[in-house]
Amino acid sequence: MTTIYVPTPITSAEQAAALPSGTLAYAGTGSSMLTAARLPLVGDRDYGWQDFAGPRANPAMVGWTALAPVEAEEETRTDLPGRRGVHPVRRLVTRWEPQGAAPAENDGGAALAESSGVVHPDPHPYAGQVVPLLMKGAVVGGDRPAAMFAVEDWADRVFGAPWNHGSSPRAWLFRLRAHQLGLPETDDNVLYGRLAGIPLLIHTQEIDWSRL
C-alpha cells in the first residue's frame, strides 16, 4: 500500500479536529505560508495540531487546506477511456475512488474529473536518465556543480493527463516554484522525476542543456 495526500479544504474547527493523524495543512504562499501537522495519539493523549510555534487552535485553521493521508494501491492500465493502445497509465487507486472514475494523479491528488489524455505520445528523450539542473544563481555552463535530476518521463505520461489537471502536492509545489522563478505555468513541457530521491516536477527550462 502507498499513502497519498488528498487536498481537503478545512471548513470548520470540528472538521480540523476530526482529520486523521498524519494530516498536513497549509495556508498562504511563499514567505507568508503557514504549515501544521496533525500529530498521532500517544497512549490516550491527543496532541492535536502542532507547528513550529507549538499547539495550534482548530478555529484558527478554517480556510486552510489539509492534505489528508489515504491508503492507495498502484495499478497499470491501458483500457481507460480515450487511451486504448496508448502508453500505459500507472495510477494509484483508493477505496474512495468511484468505479469507472478517471485516473488519479500518481503520487497524490484527488481523482480527475475527466481524463484529457496524454499530451506527449512519445517518451521524453532523456526518460530514465539523469540530467543537470540550473539552480538558483547558476548560469548556463557555469562552474558551479549542478543538481542532478533523475527523469522518469513527461509528467502527463506519468499521470495520464496534463500535469495541471491534478491537485497533488507535486503539482501545487511546481505551481509555487514556477510563479517564484518566472517559469511558464500553463504549458505542458513539465517532467516528472526525482531530485535527491524526492519526487518532483520540473520545467524543461530548468535543465542545463549545455552540460548534456
N, C-alpha and C. Protein backbone atom coordinates (compact mmCIF):
# COMPACT_ATOMS: atom_id res chain seq x y z
N MET A 1 0.84 -1.20 0.00
CA MET A 1 0.00 0.00 0.00
C MET A 1 0.88 1.26 0.00
N THR A 2 0.36 2.31 -0.61
CA THR A 2 1.05 3.59 -0.67
C THR A 2 0.15 4.67 -0.08
N THR A 3 0.75 5.59 0.65
CA THR A 3 -0.02 6.69 1.21
C THR A 3 0.03 7.88 0.27
N ILE A 4 -1.13 8.39 -0.13
CA ILE A 4 -1.20 9.62 -0.90
C ILE A 4 -1.91 10.66 -0.04
N TYR A 5 -1.76 11.93 -0.42
CA TYR A 5 -2.33 13.01 0.37
C TYR A 5 -3.35 13.76 -0.45
N VAL A 6 -4.59 13.74 0.01
CA VAL A 6 -5.71 14.31 -0.73
C VAL A 6 -6.01 15.72 -0.21
N PRO A 7 -5.92 16.76 -1.07
CA PRO A 7 -6.24 18.12 -0.63
C PRO A 7 -7.69 18.22 -0.18
N THR A 8 -7.90 18.76 1.03
CA THR A 8 -9.24 18.88 1.61
C THR A 8 -9.38 20.25 2.27
N PRO A 9 -10.27 21.12 1.81
CA PRO A 9 -10.45 22.41 2.47
C PRO A 9 -10.96 22.23 3.91
N ILE A 10 -10.42 22.97 4.83
CA ILE A 10 -10.88 22.95 6.22
C ILE A 10 -11.97 24.01 6.37
N THR A 11 -13.18 23.56 6.67
CA THR A 11 -14.32 24.48 6.73
C THR A 11 -14.83 24.72 8.14
N SER A 12 -14.35 23.96 9.12
CA SER A 12 -14.81 24.16 10.50
C SER A 12 -13.77 23.63 11.47
N ALA A 13 -13.83 24.11 12.70
CA ALA A 13 -12.92 23.64 13.74
C ALA A 13 -13.15 22.17 14.03
N GLU A 14 -14.43 21.74 13.98
CA GLU A 14 -14.75 20.33 14.24
C GLU A 14 -14.13 19.43 13.18
N GLN A 15 -14.18 19.87 11.91
CA GLN A 15 -13.58 19.08 10.85
C GLN A 15 -12.08 18.96 11.04
N ALA A 16 -11.42 20.08 11.41
CA ALA A 16 -9.97 20.06 11.63
C ALA A 16 -9.61 19.07 12.73
N ALA A 17 -10.42 19.04 13.79
CA ALA A 17 -10.16 18.15 14.92
C ALA A 17 -10.38 16.68 14.54
N ALA A 18 -11.23 16.42 13.54
CA ALA A 18 -11.58 15.05 13.18
C ALA A 18 -10.66 14.47 12.11
N LEU A 19 -9.82 15.29 11.49
CA LEU A 19 -8.92 14.78 10.46
C LEU A 19 -7.93 13.80 11.08
N PRO A 20 -7.52 12.76 10.33
CA PRO A 20 -6.67 11.72 10.92
C PRO A 20 -5.27 12.20 11.24
N SER A 21 -4.61 11.47 12.15
CA SER A 21 -3.22 11.79 12.46
C SER A 21 -2.38 11.60 11.21
N GLY A 22 -1.34 12.41 11.08
CA GLY A 22 -0.52 12.38 9.89
C GLY A 22 -0.95 13.38 8.83
N THR A 23 -2.12 14.03 9.04
CA THR A 23 -2.59 15.04 8.09
C THR A 23 -1.70 16.28 8.18
N LEU A 24 -1.35 16.84 7.04
CA LEU A 24 -0.63 18.11 6.96
C LEU A 24 -1.59 19.19 6.53
N ALA A 25 -1.26 20.44 6.81
CA ALA A 25 -2.13 21.54 6.39
C ALA A 25 -1.28 22.77 6.10
N TYR A 26 -1.80 23.62 5.20
CA TYR A 26 -1.08 24.85 4.88
C TYR A 26 -2.06 25.97 4.59
N ALA A 27 -1.57 27.18 4.71
CA ALA A 27 -2.34 28.39 4.36
C ALA A 27 -1.36 29.44 3.87
N GLY A 28 -1.77 30.20 2.86
CA GLY A 28 -0.90 31.23 2.32
C GLY A 28 0.09 30.66 1.33
N THR A 29 0.98 31.52 0.83
CA THR A 29 2.01 31.11 -0.13
C THR A 29 3.32 31.81 0.19
N GLY A 30 4.39 31.29 -0.41
CA GLY A 30 5.70 31.93 -0.29
C GLY A 30 6.16 32.10 1.15
N SER A 31 6.74 33.26 1.45
CA SER A 31 7.28 33.51 2.78
C SER A 31 6.21 33.66 3.84
N SER A 32 4.95 33.88 3.41
CA SER A 32 3.85 34.03 4.36
C SER A 32 3.10 32.73 4.60
N MET A 33 3.61 31.61 4.07
CA MET A 33 2.92 30.33 4.21
C MET A 33 2.98 29.84 5.66
N LEU A 34 1.86 29.32 6.13
CA LEU A 34 1.77 28.70 7.44
C LEU A 34 1.57 27.20 7.24
N THR A 35 2.18 26.39 8.09
CA THR A 35 2.04 24.94 7.99
C THR A 35 1.80 24.34 9.37
N ALA A 36 1.15 23.19 9.40
CA ALA A 36 0.90 22.48 10.66
C ALA A 36 0.70 21.01 10.34
N ALA A 37 0.82 20.17 11.38
CA ALA A 37 0.64 18.72 11.21
C ALA A 37 -0.23 18.20 12.35
N ARG A 38 -1.10 17.24 12.00
CA ARG A 38 -1.96 16.58 12.99
C ARG A 38 -1.18 15.41 13.56
N LEU A 39 -0.72 15.53 14.81
CA LEU A 39 0.15 14.52 15.40
C LEU A 39 -0.64 13.28 15.82
N PRO A 40 0.03 12.11 15.80
CA PRO A 40 -0.66 10.88 16.20
C PRO A 40 -0.89 10.83 17.70
N LEU A 41 -1.83 9.99 18.10
CA LEU A 41 -2.11 9.78 19.52
C LEU A 41 -0.91 9.12 20.18
N VAL A 42 -0.62 9.51 21.42
CA VAL A 42 0.40 8.86 22.24
C VAL A 42 -0.32 8.34 23.48
N GLY A 43 -0.61 7.03 23.47
CA GLY A 43 -1.45 6.49 24.53
C GLY A 43 -2.85 7.05 24.39
N ASP A 44 -3.34 7.68 25.44
CA ASP A 44 -4.66 8.31 25.40
C ASP A 44 -4.57 9.80 25.14
N ARG A 45 -3.38 10.31 24.93
CA ARG A 45 -3.20 11.76 24.79
C ARG A 45 -3.22 12.17 23.32
N ASP A 46 -4.04 13.15 23.00
CA ASP A 46 -4.14 13.69 21.66
C ASP A 46 -3.43 15.04 21.63
N TYR A 47 -2.31 15.11 20.93
CA TYR A 47 -1.55 16.36 20.86
C TYR A 47 -2.12 17.32 19.82
N GLY A 48 -3.07 16.84 18.99
CA GLY A 48 -3.75 17.72 18.04
C GLY A 48 -2.81 18.31 17.00
N TRP A 49 -3.14 19.52 16.57
CA TRP A 49 -2.37 20.22 15.54
C TRP A 49 -1.19 20.94 16.16
N GLN A 50 -0.02 20.79 15.53
CA GLN A 50 1.19 21.45 16.00
C GLN A 50 1.93 22.06 14.82
N ASP A 51 2.60 23.17 15.08
CA ASP A 51 3.55 23.69 14.11
C ASP A 51 4.82 24.07 14.87
N PHE A 52 5.73 24.77 14.22
CA PHE A 52 6.99 25.08 14.87
C PHE A 52 6.80 25.98 16.10
N ALA A 53 5.71 26.70 16.15
CA ALA A 53 5.47 27.60 17.28
C ALA A 53 4.74 26.91 18.43
N GLY A 54 4.33 25.66 18.25
CA GLY A 54 3.62 24.95 19.31
C GLY A 54 2.22 24.57 18.88
N PRO A 55 1.33 24.28 19.85
CA PRO A 55 -0.04 23.87 19.52
C PRO A 55 -0.78 24.95 18.73
N ARG A 56 -1.65 24.52 17.82
CA ARG A 56 -2.44 25.46 17.02
C ARG A 56 -3.92 25.20 17.25
N ALA A 57 -4.66 26.26 17.51
CA ALA A 57 -6.09 26.14 17.78
C ALA A 57 -6.84 25.81 16.49
N ASN A 58 -7.76 24.85 16.56
CA ASN A 58 -8.51 24.44 15.37
C ASN A 58 -9.32 25.58 14.74
N PRO A 59 -9.99 26.44 15.53
CA PRO A 59 -10.78 27.51 14.89
C PRO A 59 -9.95 28.41 13.98
N ALA A 60 -8.66 28.58 14.30
CA ALA A 60 -7.82 29.46 13.50
C ALA A 60 -7.45 28.85 12.16
N MET A 61 -7.76 27.56 11.97
CA MET A 61 -7.36 26.87 10.75
C MET A 61 -8.47 26.81 9.71
N VAL A 62 -9.63 27.38 9.99
CA VAL A 62 -10.70 27.42 9.00
C VAL A 62 -10.22 28.22 7.80
N GLY A 63 -10.37 27.65 6.61
CA GLY A 63 -9.88 28.30 5.40
C GLY A 63 -8.54 27.73 4.93
N TRP A 64 -7.89 26.93 5.78
CA TRP A 64 -6.65 26.26 5.38
C TRP A 64 -6.99 25.11 4.43
N THR A 65 -5.95 24.54 3.83
CA THR A 65 -6.08 23.32 3.03
C THR A 65 -5.35 22.20 3.73
N ALA A 66 -6.06 21.11 4.02
CA ALA A 66 -5.45 19.95 4.65
C ALA A 66 -5.05 18.94 3.59
N LEU A 67 -3.94 18.26 3.80
CA LEU A 67 -3.50 17.17 2.94
C LEU A 67 -3.67 15.89 3.76
N ALA A 68 -4.83 15.25 3.58
CA ALA A 68 -5.20 14.09 4.39
C ALA A 68 -4.63 12.81 3.79
N PRO A 69 -3.99 11.95 4.61
CA PRO A 69 -3.42 10.71 4.09
C PRO A 69 -4.48 9.66 3.79
N VAL A 70 -4.36 9.02 2.62
CA VAL A 70 -5.27 7.96 2.22
C VAL A 70 -4.42 6.81 1.65
N GLU A 71 -4.73 5.58 2.04
CA GLU A 71 -4.01 4.42 1.52
C GLU A 71 -4.48 4.10 0.10
N ALA A 72 -3.54 3.80 -0.78
CA ALA A 72 -3.87 3.50 -2.17
C ALA A 72 -2.97 2.39 -2.69
N GLU A 73 -3.44 1.69 -3.72
CA GLU A 73 -2.67 0.66 -4.38
C GLU A 73 -2.39 1.08 -5.81
N GLU A 74 -1.20 0.73 -6.32
CA GLU A 74 -0.84 1.11 -7.68
C GLU A 74 -1.30 0.05 -8.68
N GLU A 75 -1.81 0.52 -9.82
CA GLU A 75 -2.18 -0.38 -10.89
C GLU A 75 -1.75 0.23 -12.21
N THR A 76 -1.57 -0.60 -13.22
CA THR A 76 -1.22 -0.15 -14.56
C THR A 76 -2.32 -0.59 -15.52
N ARG A 77 -2.85 0.38 -16.30
CA ARG A 77 -3.95 0.07 -17.20
C ARG A 77 -3.73 0.73 -18.55
N THR A 78 -4.27 0.09 -19.58
CA THR A 78 -4.24 0.66 -20.94
C THR A 78 -5.64 0.78 -21.52
N ASP A 79 -6.67 0.46 -20.70
CA ASP A 79 -8.04 0.43 -21.21
C ASP A 79 -8.89 1.58 -20.70
N LEU A 80 -8.24 2.67 -20.24
CA LEU A 80 -9.01 3.81 -19.76
C LEU A 80 -9.66 4.54 -20.93
N PRO A 81 -10.78 5.24 -20.71
CA PRO A 81 -11.48 5.92 -21.81
C PRO A 81 -10.57 6.85 -22.60
N GLY A 82 -10.57 6.69 -23.91
CA GLY A 82 -9.79 7.56 -24.77
C GLY A 82 -8.32 7.23 -24.83
N ARG A 83 -7.90 6.11 -24.16
CA ARG A 83 -6.47 5.82 -24.08
C ARG A 83 -6.12 4.42 -24.57
N ARG A 84 -7.04 3.73 -25.23
CA ARG A 84 -6.77 2.38 -25.68
C ARG A 84 -5.62 2.39 -26.70
N GLY A 85 -4.62 1.53 -26.45
CA GLY A 85 -3.49 1.43 -27.36
C GLY A 85 -2.43 2.50 -27.15
N VAL A 86 -2.64 3.40 -26.14
CA VAL A 86 -1.66 4.44 -25.87
C VAL A 86 -0.76 3.95 -24.74
N HIS A 87 0.28 4.72 -24.45
CA HIS A 87 1.22 4.37 -23.37
C HIS A 87 0.45 4.02 -22.10
N PRO A 88 0.78 2.91 -21.43
CA PRO A 88 0.04 2.51 -20.23
C PRO A 88 0.05 3.58 -19.14
N VAL A 89 -1.03 3.66 -18.41
CA VAL A 89 -1.17 4.62 -17.32
C VAL A 89 -0.92 3.91 -15.99
N ARG A 90 0.03 4.43 -15.22
CA ARG A 90 0.23 3.94 -13.86
C ARG A 90 -0.51 4.89 -12.93
N ARG A 91 -1.40 4.38 -12.13
CA ARG A 91 -2.18 5.24 -11.25
C ARG A 91 -2.34 4.60 -9.89
N LEU A 92 -2.66 5.44 -8.92
CA LEU A 92 -2.94 4.98 -7.58
C LEU A 92 -4.45 4.92 -7.39
N VAL A 93 -4.96 3.77 -6.96
CA VAL A 93 -6.39 3.56 -6.81
C VAL A 93 -6.70 3.48 -5.32
N THR A 94 -7.68 4.26 -4.89
CA THR A 94 -8.05 4.28 -3.48
C THR A 94 -9.46 3.73 -3.30
N ARG A 95 -9.78 3.35 -2.08
CA ARG A 95 -11.08 2.79 -1.80
C ARG A 95 -12.20 3.80 -1.99
N TRP A 96 -11.86 5.11 -1.98
CA TRP A 96 -12.90 6.13 -2.13
C TRP A 96 -13.10 6.54 -3.58
N GLU A 97 -12.31 5.97 -4.53
CA GLU A 97 -12.46 6.36 -5.94
C GLU A 97 -13.63 5.60 -6.55
N PRO A 98 -14.64 6.29 -7.10
CA PRO A 98 -15.79 5.61 -7.71
C PRO A 98 -15.35 4.72 -8.86
N GLN A 99 -16.05 3.61 -9.06
CA GLN A 99 -15.75 2.71 -10.16
C GLN A 99 -15.95 3.43 -11.48
N GLY A 100 -14.96 3.31 -12.37
CA GLY A 100 -15.05 3.95 -13.68
C GLY A 100 -14.59 5.39 -13.67
N ALA A 101 -14.07 5.86 -12.53
CA ALA A 101 -13.61 7.25 -12.47
C ALA A 101 -12.35 7.41 -13.28
N ALA A 102 -12.06 8.66 -13.69
CA ALA A 102 -10.83 8.94 -14.41
C ALA A 102 -9.66 8.74 -13.46
N PRO A 103 -8.44 8.55 -14.00
CA PRO A 103 -7.30 8.22 -13.15
C PRO A 103 -6.93 9.36 -12.21
N ALA A 104 -6.49 8.97 -11.01
CA ALA A 104 -5.96 9.95 -10.06
C ALA A 104 -4.51 10.21 -10.40
N GLU A 105 -3.98 11.36 -9.99
CA GLU A 105 -2.58 11.65 -10.21
C GLU A 105 -1.73 10.67 -9.46
N ASN A 106 -0.67 10.23 -10.12
CA ASN A 106 0.29 9.37 -9.43
C ASN A 106 0.95 10.18 -8.32
N ASP A 107 1.19 9.58 -7.17
CA ASP A 107 1.82 10.22 -6.01
C ASP A 107 0.91 11.25 -5.35
N GLY A 108 -0.38 11.17 -5.53
CA GLY A 108 -1.25 12.03 -4.73
C GLY A 108 -2.27 12.77 -5.54
N GLY A 109 -3.25 13.36 -4.85
CA GLY A 109 -4.25 14.17 -5.52
C GLY A 109 -5.58 13.48 -5.62
N ALA A 110 -6.62 14.28 -5.75
CA ALA A 110 -7.96 13.73 -5.89
C ALA A 110 -8.15 13.18 -7.29
N ALA A 111 -9.16 12.33 -7.48
CA ALA A 111 -9.43 11.76 -8.79
C ALA A 111 -9.75 12.88 -9.76
N LEU A 112 -9.25 12.76 -11.00
CA LEU A 112 -9.52 13.77 -12.00
C LEU A 112 -10.98 13.71 -12.40
N ALA A 113 -11.55 14.87 -12.68
CA ALA A 113 -12.95 14.92 -13.07
C ALA A 113 -13.15 14.23 -14.41
N GLU A 114 -12.16 14.37 -15.28
CA GLU A 114 -12.24 13.70 -16.56
C GLU A 114 -10.83 13.53 -17.10
N SER A 115 -10.63 12.52 -17.91
CA SER A 115 -9.30 12.27 -18.47
C SER A 115 -9.15 13.04 -19.77
N SER A 116 -8.08 13.85 -19.85
CA SER A 116 -7.82 14.61 -21.07
C SER A 116 -6.76 13.93 -21.92
N GLY A 117 -6.32 12.76 -21.51
CA GLY A 117 -5.35 12.02 -22.29
C GLY A 117 -3.94 12.54 -22.11
N VAL A 118 -3.02 11.91 -22.82
CA VAL A 118 -1.61 12.25 -22.75
C VAL A 118 -1.26 13.26 -23.82
N VAL A 119 -0.53 14.30 -23.45
CA VAL A 119 -0.15 15.34 -24.40
C VAL A 119 1.00 14.86 -25.28
N HIS A 120 1.98 14.19 -24.67
CA HIS A 120 3.17 13.71 -25.40
C HIS A 120 3.02 12.23 -25.73
N PRO A 121 2.83 11.85 -26.99
CA PRO A 121 2.65 10.44 -27.33
C PRO A 121 3.93 9.61 -27.16
N ASP A 122 5.10 10.27 -27.21
CA ASP A 122 6.36 9.55 -27.10
C ASP A 122 7.09 9.92 -25.81
N PRO A 123 7.90 9.00 -25.28
CA PRO A 123 8.67 9.31 -24.07
C PRO A 123 9.61 10.48 -24.30
N HIS A 124 9.97 11.17 -23.23
CA HIS A 124 10.95 12.24 -23.33
C HIS A 124 12.30 11.62 -23.72
N PRO A 125 13.11 12.32 -24.54
CA PRO A 125 14.40 11.75 -24.97
C PRO A 125 15.32 11.35 -23.82
N TYR A 126 15.16 11.99 -22.66
CA TYR A 126 16.02 11.66 -21.51
C TYR A 126 15.27 10.87 -20.44
N ALA A 127 14.13 10.27 -20.81
CA ALA A 127 13.40 9.43 -19.85
C ALA A 127 14.30 8.29 -19.38
N GLY A 128 14.36 8.10 -18.07
CA GLY A 128 15.20 7.06 -17.50
C GLY A 128 16.65 7.47 -17.31
N GLN A 129 16.97 8.73 -17.60
CA GLN A 129 18.34 9.21 -17.46
C GLN A 129 18.40 10.34 -16.43
N VAL A 130 19.61 10.73 -16.10
CA VAL A 130 19.84 11.81 -15.12
C VAL A 130 20.34 13.04 -15.86
N VAL A 131 19.74 14.21 -15.57
CA VAL A 131 20.11 15.45 -16.25
C VAL A 131 20.48 16.51 -15.22
N PRO A 132 21.36 17.46 -15.58
CA PRO A 132 21.74 18.54 -14.66
C PRO A 132 20.70 19.66 -14.67
N LEU A 133 20.49 20.26 -13.52
CA LEU A 133 19.53 21.36 -13.41
C LEU A 133 20.25 22.69 -13.21
N LEU A 134 19.62 23.76 -13.69
CA LEU A 134 20.08 25.11 -13.41
C LEU A 134 19.54 25.52 -12.05
N MET A 135 20.39 25.61 -11.05
CA MET A 135 19.95 26.01 -9.73
C MET A 135 19.92 27.54 -9.64
N LYS A 136 19.26 28.04 -8.60
CA LYS A 136 19.12 29.49 -8.42
C LYS A 136 20.51 30.13 -8.32
N GLY A 137 20.75 31.15 -9.10
CA GLY A 137 22.03 31.84 -9.08
C GLY A 137 23.06 31.26 -10.02
N ALA A 138 22.74 30.09 -10.65
CA ALA A 138 23.68 29.46 -11.57
C ALA A 138 23.51 30.04 -12.97
N VAL A 139 24.53 29.86 -13.80
CA VAL A 139 24.45 30.30 -15.19
C VAL A 139 24.68 29.09 -16.09
N VAL A 140 24.17 29.15 -17.30
CA VAL A 140 24.30 28.04 -18.23
C VAL A 140 25.78 27.74 -18.47
N GLY A 141 26.16 26.47 -18.26
CA GLY A 141 27.53 26.07 -18.49
C GLY A 141 28.51 26.57 -17.44
N GLY A 142 28.03 27.09 -16.33
CA GLY A 142 28.92 27.62 -15.30
C GLY A 142 29.69 26.53 -14.57
N ASP A 143 30.65 26.96 -13.72
CA ASP A 143 31.48 26.01 -12.98
C ASP A 143 30.80 25.47 -11.74
N ARG A 144 29.71 26.10 -11.33
CA ARG A 144 29.02 25.67 -10.12
C ARG A 144 28.43 24.27 -10.33
N PRO A 145 28.67 23.34 -9.39
CA PRO A 145 28.11 21.98 -9.55
C PRO A 145 26.60 22.02 -9.73
N ALA A 146 26.11 21.19 -10.64
CA ALA A 146 24.68 21.17 -10.93
C ALA A 146 23.99 20.08 -10.12
N ALA A 147 22.76 20.36 -9.68
CA ALA A 147 21.93 19.32 -9.06
C ALA A 147 21.48 18.37 -10.14
N MET A 148 21.49 17.08 -9.85
CA MET A 148 21.17 16.07 -10.85
C MET A 148 19.75 15.55 -10.65
N PHE A 149 18.96 15.59 -11.72
CA PHE A 149 17.55 15.23 -11.68
C PHE A 149 17.34 13.95 -12.48
N ALA A 150 16.77 12.92 -11.83
CA ALA A 150 16.50 11.65 -12.50
C ALA A 150 15.14 11.74 -13.18
N VAL A 151 15.12 11.78 -14.51
CA VAL A 151 13.89 11.94 -15.28
C VAL A 151 13.17 10.60 -15.39
N GLU A 152 11.88 10.59 -15.01
CA GLU A 152 11.07 9.41 -15.28
C GLU A 152 10.42 9.53 -16.66
N ASP A 153 9.74 10.65 -16.91
CA ASP A 153 9.12 10.88 -18.22
C ASP A 153 8.39 12.22 -18.15
N TRP A 154 7.75 12.57 -19.28
CA TRP A 154 6.85 13.72 -19.26
C TRP A 154 5.82 13.52 -18.15
N ALA A 155 5.49 14.58 -17.44
CA ALA A 155 4.54 14.46 -16.33
C ALA A 155 3.19 13.94 -16.80
N ASP A 156 2.73 14.38 -17.98
CA ASP A 156 1.40 13.94 -18.44
C ASP A 156 1.39 12.45 -18.77
N ARG A 157 2.53 11.89 -19.17
CA ARG A 157 2.59 10.46 -19.45
C ARG A 157 2.59 9.65 -18.16
N VAL A 158 3.17 10.22 -17.11
CA VAL A 158 3.16 9.55 -15.80
C VAL A 158 1.78 9.61 -15.17
N PHE A 159 1.13 10.79 -15.26
CA PHE A 159 -0.15 11.00 -14.61
C PHE A 159 -1.34 10.50 -15.43
N GLY A 160 -1.15 10.39 -16.76
CA GLY A 160 -2.27 10.01 -17.62
C GLY A 160 -3.14 11.19 -18.00
N ALA A 161 -2.69 12.39 -17.71
CA ALA A 161 -3.41 13.63 -18.03
C ALA A 161 -2.42 14.77 -17.85
N PRO A 162 -2.69 15.95 -18.43
CA PRO A 162 -1.79 17.09 -18.24
C PRO A 162 -1.52 17.34 -16.75
N TRP A 163 -0.28 17.70 -16.44
CA TRP A 163 0.13 17.86 -15.04
C TRP A 163 -0.76 18.85 -14.30
N ASN A 164 -1.24 19.90 -14.98
CA ASN A 164 -2.01 20.94 -14.30
C ASN A 164 -3.50 20.62 -14.19
N HIS A 165 -3.90 19.37 -14.53
CA HIS A 165 -5.28 18.95 -14.33
C HIS A 165 -5.46 18.26 -12.98
N GLY A 166 -4.39 18.14 -12.22
CA GLY A 166 -4.47 17.47 -10.92
C GLY A 166 -4.29 18.45 -9.78
N SER A 167 -4.43 17.94 -8.57
CA SER A 167 -4.29 18.79 -7.38
C SER A 167 -3.37 18.14 -6.36
N SER A 168 -2.37 17.40 -6.84
CA SER A 168 -1.47 16.74 -5.91
C SER A 168 -0.49 17.74 -5.33
N PRO A 169 0.15 17.39 -4.21
CA PRO A 169 1.19 18.27 -3.65
C PRO A 169 2.31 18.55 -4.64
N ARG A 170 2.63 17.58 -5.51
CA ARG A 170 3.68 17.79 -6.50
C ARG A 170 3.30 18.92 -7.45
N ALA A 171 2.06 18.89 -7.97
CA ALA A 171 1.61 19.93 -8.89
C ALA A 171 1.52 21.28 -8.18
N TRP A 172 1.05 21.26 -6.94
CA TRP A 172 0.93 22.51 -6.18
C TRP A 172 2.30 23.12 -5.95
N LEU A 173 3.30 22.29 -5.60
CA LEU A 173 4.65 22.79 -5.36
C LEU A 173 5.25 23.35 -6.65
N PHE A 174 4.99 22.68 -7.80
CA PHE A 174 5.53 23.20 -9.06
C PHE A 174 4.91 24.55 -9.40
N ARG A 175 3.60 24.69 -9.19
CA ARG A 175 2.96 25.99 -9.46
C ARG A 175 3.62 27.09 -8.63
N LEU A 176 3.91 26.78 -7.37
CA LEU A 176 4.53 27.77 -6.48
C LEU A 176 5.93 28.12 -6.97
N ARG A 177 6.73 27.11 -7.32
CA ARG A 177 8.09 27.37 -7.81
C ARG A 177 8.06 28.12 -9.13
N ALA A 178 7.16 27.71 -10.03
CA ALA A 178 7.08 28.36 -11.33
C ALA A 178 6.75 29.84 -11.18
N HIS A 179 5.85 30.15 -10.26
CA HIS A 179 5.48 31.55 -10.02
C HIS A 179 6.67 32.33 -9.48
N GLN A 180 7.41 31.74 -8.54
CA GLN A 180 8.53 32.43 -7.92
C GLN A 180 9.71 32.60 -8.87
N LEU A 181 9.92 31.62 -9.78
CA LEU A 181 11.08 31.64 -10.67
C LEU A 181 10.77 32.21 -12.04
N GLY A 182 9.50 32.56 -12.29
CA GLY A 182 9.13 33.11 -13.59
C GLY A 182 9.09 32.09 -14.69
N LEU A 183 8.81 30.82 -14.33
CA LEU A 183 8.70 29.75 -15.33
C LEU A 183 7.28 29.71 -15.90
N PRO A 184 7.11 29.19 -17.11
CA PRO A 184 5.75 29.04 -17.66
C PRO A 184 4.89 28.16 -16.75
N GLU A 185 3.68 28.60 -16.47
CA GLU A 185 2.80 27.86 -15.56
C GLU A 185 1.65 27.18 -16.29
N THR A 186 1.57 27.35 -17.62
CA THR A 186 0.41 26.83 -18.33
C THR A 186 0.75 25.85 -19.44
N ASP A 187 2.04 25.71 -19.81
CA ASP A 187 2.34 24.77 -20.89
C ASP A 187 2.59 23.37 -20.33
N ASP A 188 2.87 22.42 -21.22
CA ASP A 188 2.99 21.02 -20.83
C ASP A 188 4.43 20.51 -20.89
N ASN A 189 5.40 21.40 -20.97
CA ASN A 189 6.80 20.98 -21.01
C ASN A 189 7.33 20.74 -19.60
N VAL A 190 6.64 19.86 -18.91
CA VAL A 190 6.93 19.58 -17.50
C VAL A 190 7.30 18.10 -17.36
N LEU A 191 8.38 17.84 -16.64
CA LEU A 191 8.87 16.48 -16.44
C LEU A 191 8.63 16.02 -15.01
N TYR A 192 8.40 14.72 -14.87
CA TYR A 192 8.29 14.10 -13.54
C TYR A 192 9.56 13.29 -13.30
N GLY A 193 10.11 13.40 -12.09
CA GLY A 193 11.30 12.63 -11.76
C GLY A 193 11.64 12.80 -10.30
N ARG A 194 12.92 12.60 -9.98
CA ARG A 194 13.35 12.67 -8.58
C ARG A 194 14.64 13.48 -8.46
N LEU A 195 14.65 14.34 -7.44
CA LEU A 195 15.82 15.13 -7.10
C LEU A 195 16.25 14.70 -5.70
N ALA A 196 17.44 14.10 -5.59
CA ALA A 196 17.92 13.56 -4.32
C ALA A 196 16.92 12.56 -3.74
N GLY A 197 16.26 11.81 -4.63
CA GLY A 197 15.31 10.80 -4.21
C GLY A 197 13.91 11.31 -3.94
N ILE A 198 13.69 12.63 -4.04
CA ILE A 198 12.39 13.23 -3.74
C ILE A 198 11.61 13.44 -5.03
N PRO A 199 10.37 12.92 -5.15
CA PRO A 199 9.57 13.14 -6.36
C PRO A 199 9.33 14.63 -6.60
N LEU A 200 9.46 15.05 -7.85
CA LEU A 200 9.39 16.48 -8.16
C LEU A 200 8.98 16.67 -9.61
N LEU A 201 8.30 17.80 -9.87
CA LEU A 201 8.01 18.24 -11.22
C LEU A 201 8.97 19.39 -11.54
N ILE A 202 9.54 19.38 -12.74
CA ILE A 202 10.37 20.49 -13.18
C ILE A 202 9.96 20.88 -14.60
N HIS A 203 10.27 22.11 -14.98
CA HIS A 203 10.05 22.56 -16.35
C HIS A 203 11.33 22.29 -17.14
N THR A 204 11.19 22.03 -18.44
CA THR A 204 12.37 21.76 -19.25
C THR A 204 13.33 22.95 -19.28
N GLN A 205 12.83 24.16 -18.99
CA GLN A 205 13.70 25.33 -18.94
C GLN A 205 14.66 25.28 -17.76
N GLU A 206 14.40 24.39 -16.79
CA GLU A 206 15.28 24.28 -15.62
C GLU A 206 16.45 23.34 -15.87
N ILE A 207 16.52 22.69 -17.02
CA ILE A 207 17.62 21.79 -17.33
C ILE A 207 18.77 22.59 -17.94
N ASP A 208 19.99 22.32 -17.50
CA ASP A 208 21.18 22.95 -18.08
C ASP A 208 21.62 22.11 -19.28
N TRP A 209 21.03 22.40 -20.43
CA TRP A 209 21.27 21.61 -21.64
C TRP A 209 22.72 21.68 -22.08
N SER A 210 23.45 22.73 -21.67
CA SER A 210 24.84 22.88 -22.11
C SER A 210 25.73 21.80 -21.50
N ARG A 211 25.29 21.14 -20.44
CA ARG A 211 26.10 20.12 -19.78
C ARG A 211 25.80 18.72 -20.31
N LEU A 212 24.83 18.59 -21.20
CA LEU A 212 24.46 17.28 -21.72
C LEU A 212 25.22 16.96 -23.00
